[in-house]
C-alpha atoms as a PDB file:
ATOM      1  CA  UNK A   1       0.012  -0.016   0.006  1.00  0.00           C
ATOM      2  CA  UNK A   2       1.363   3.444  -1.012  1.00  0.00           C
ATOM      3  CA  UNK A   3       1.308   5.913   1.807  1.00  0.00           C
ATOM      4  CA  UNK A   4      -0.744   9.048   1.362  1.00  0.00           C
ATOM      5  CA  UNK A   5       1.268  12.130   0.296  1.00  0.00           C
ATOM      6  CA  UNK A   6       1.857  14.676   3.049  1.00  0.00           C
ATOM      7  CA  UNK A   7       0.136  18.072   2.728  1.00  0.00           C
ATOM      8  CA  UNK A   8       3.482  19.582   2.186  1.00  0.00           C
ATOM      9  CA  UNK A   9       4.314  17.148  -0.644  1.00  0.00           C
ATOM     10  CA  UNK A  10       0.965  17.744  -2.131  1.00  0.00           C
ATOM     11  CA  UNK A  11       1.457  21.532  -2.102  1.00  0.00           C
ATOM     12  CA  UNK A  12       5.070  21.117  -3.409  1.00  0.00           C
ATOM     13  CA  UNK A  13       3.880  19.050  -6.325  1.00  0.00           C
ATOM     14  CA  UNK A  14       1.055  21.371  -7.247  1.00  0.00           C
ATOM     15  CA  UNK A  15       3.467  24.331  -7.010  1.00  0.00           C
ATOM     16  CA  UNK A  16       5.876  22.565  -9.228  1.00  0.00           C
ATOM     17  CA  UNK A  17       3.225  21.633 -11.834  1.00  0.00           C
ATOM     18  CA  UNK A  18       1.301  24.909 -11.912  1.00  0.00           C
ATOM     19  CA  UNK A  19       4.545  27.047 -12.125  1.00  0.00           C
ATOM     20  CA  UNK A  20       6.279  24.754 -14.572  1.00  0.00           C
ATOM     21  CA  UNK A  21       9.209  24.249 -12.297  1.00  0.00           C
ATOM     22  CA  UNK A  22      10.295  21.107 -14.046  1.00  0.00           C
ATOM     23  CA  UNK A  23      11.018  19.262 -10.816  1.00  0.00           C
ATOM     24  CA  UNK A  24      13.108  22.269  -9.102  1.00  0.00           C
ATOM     25  CA  UNK A  25      10.759  21.903  -6.114  1.00  0.00           C
ATOM     26  CA  UNK A  26      12.074  18.391  -5.247  1.00  0.00           C
ATOM     27  CA  UNK A  27      14.844  20.106  -3.157  1.00  0.00           C
ATOM     28  CA  UNK A  28      12.356  22.384  -1.309  1.00  0.00           C
ATOM     29  CA  UNK A  29      11.865  22.036   2.410  1.00  0.00           C
ATOM     30  CA  UNK A  30       9.168  23.557   4.695  1.00  0.00           C
ATOM     31  CA  UNK A  31      11.633  26.429   5.231  1.00  0.00           C
ATOM     32  CA  UNK A  32      12.202  27.217   1.629  1.00  0.00           C
ATOM     33  CA  UNK A  33      11.150  30.802   0.903  1.00  0.00           C
ATOM     34  CA  UNK A  34       8.896  31.270  -2.104  1.00  0.00           C
ATOM     35  CA  UNK A  35       9.023  35.005  -2.858  1.00  0.00           C
ATOM     36  CA  UNK A  36      12.344  35.914  -4.394  1.00  0.00           C
ATOM     37  CA  UNK A  37      13.328  32.322  -4.731  1.00  0.00           C
ATOM     38  CA  UNK A  38      10.730  31.709  -7.570  1.00  0.00           C
ATOM     39  CA  UNK A  39      10.645  34.244 -10.137  1.00  0.00           C
ATOM     40  CA  UNK A  40       7.625  32.471 -11.654  1.00  0.00           C
ATOM     41  CA  UNK A  41       5.642  33.308  -8.551  1.00  0.00           C
ATOM     42  CA  UNK A  42       4.053  36.637  -9.556  1.00  0.00           C
ATOM     43  CA  UNK A  43       0.637  37.949  -8.775  1.00  0.00           C
ATOM     44  CA  UNK A  44      -0.988  36.106 -11.717  1.00  0.00           C
ATOM     45  CA  UNK A  45       0.723  32.875 -10.573  1.00  0.00           C
ATOM     46  CA  UNK A  46      -0.526  33.337  -7.018  1.00  0.00           C
ATOM     47  CA  UNK A  47      -4.120  33.742  -8.380  1.00  0.00           C
ATOM     48  CA  UNK A  48      -3.724  30.681 -10.565  1.00  0.00           C
ATOM     49  CA  UNK A  49      -2.376  28.686  -7.613  1.00  0.00           C
ATOM     50  CA  UNK A  50      -5.230  29.557  -5.472  1.00  0.00           C
ATOM     51  CA  UNK A  51      -7.654  28.274  -8.078  1.00  0.00           C
ATOM     52  CA  UNK A  52      -5.681  25.113  -8.435  1.00  0.00           C
ATOM     53  CA  UNK A  53      -5.717  24.527  -4.630  1.00  0.00           C
ATOM     54  CA  UNK A  54      -9.473  25.097  -4.466  1.00  0.00           C
ATOM     55  CA  UNK A  55     -10.020  22.608  -7.243  1.00  0.00           C
ATOM     56  CA  UNK A  56      -7.515  19.991  -5.916  1.00  0.00           C
ATOM     57  CA  UNK A  57      -8.489  20.256  -2.194  1.00  0.00           C
ATOM     58  CA  UNK A  58     -12.155  20.973  -2.745  1.00  0.00           C
ATOM     59  CA  UNK A  59     -12.178  24.069  -0.634  1.00  0.00           C
ATOM     60  CA  UNK A  60     -12.970  27.789  -1.260  1.00  0.00           C
ATOM     61  CA  UNK A  61     -10.190  30.395  -0.586  1.00  0.00           C
ATOM     62  CA  UNK A  62     -11.192  34.079  -0.132  1.00  0.00           C
ATOM     63  CA  UNK A  63      -9.029  36.999  -1.034  1.00  0.00           C
ATOM     64  CA  UNK A  64      -9.054  38.249   2.471  1.00  0.00           C
ATOM     65  CA  UNK A  65      -7.558  35.068   3.808  1.00  0.00           C
ATOM     66  CA  UNK A  66      -4.413  35.384   1.741  1.00  0.00           C
ATOM     67  CA  UNK A  67      -1.532  37.608   2.541  1.00  0.00           C
ATOM     68  CA  UNK A  68       2.261  37.756   2.227  1.00  0.00           C
ATOM     69  CA  UNK A  69       2.785  35.411   5.104  1.00  0.00           C
ATOM     70  CA  UNK A  70       0.651  32.738   3.340  1.00  0.00           C
ATOM     71  CA  UNK A  71       3.248  32.485   0.554  1.00  0.00           C
ATOM     72  CA  UNK A  72       6.275  33.173   2.669  1.00  0.00           C
ATOM     73  CA  UNK A  73       7.578  29.661   2.575  1.00  0.00           C
ATOM     74  CA  UNK A  74       6.540  26.294   1.385  1.00  0.00           C
ATOM     75  CA  UNK A  75       5.636  25.429   4.953  1.00  0.00           C
ATOM     76  CA  UNK A  76       3.424  28.436   5.563  1.00  0.00           C
ATOM     77  CA  UNK A  77       1.615  27.688   2.270  1.00  0.00           C
ATOM     78  CA  UNK A  78       1.134  24.003   3.322  1.00  0.00           C
ATOM     79  CA  UNK A  79      -0.019  25.127   6.838  1.00  0.00           C
ATOM     80  CA  UNK A  80      -2.548  27.588   5.314  1.00  0.00           C
ATOM     81  CA  UNK A  81      -4.086  24.646   3.135  1.00  0.00           C
ATOM     82  CA  UNK A  82      -4.149  22.469   6.265  1.00  0.00           C
ATOM     83  CA  UNK A  83      -6.031  25.189   8.215  1.00  0.00           C
ATOM     84  CA  UNK A  84      -8.509  25.506   5.285  1.00  0.00           C
ATOM     85  CA  UNK A  85      -9.199  21.866   5.336  1.00  0.00           C
ATOM     86  CA  UNK A  86      -9.454  21.886   9.160  1.00  0.00           C
END
């Protein structure tokens, strides 16, 4: 039986696929900063990622729930998704 993917790994995989990172995220840890580290992560990419997360995780993400801290690190982004799924 294959173990379920951790939330961090799910977010990392979605980030890699959505931003077209070509596997670069494989080396990312929870502490990996996202802004400045990923030139692909602009405002349009953030909006696109939120839609991808909503579809994948089956949740609704509202604009006022997302701020700079949400996307500060891979870990903060995964923690945000975890809180949404509560």
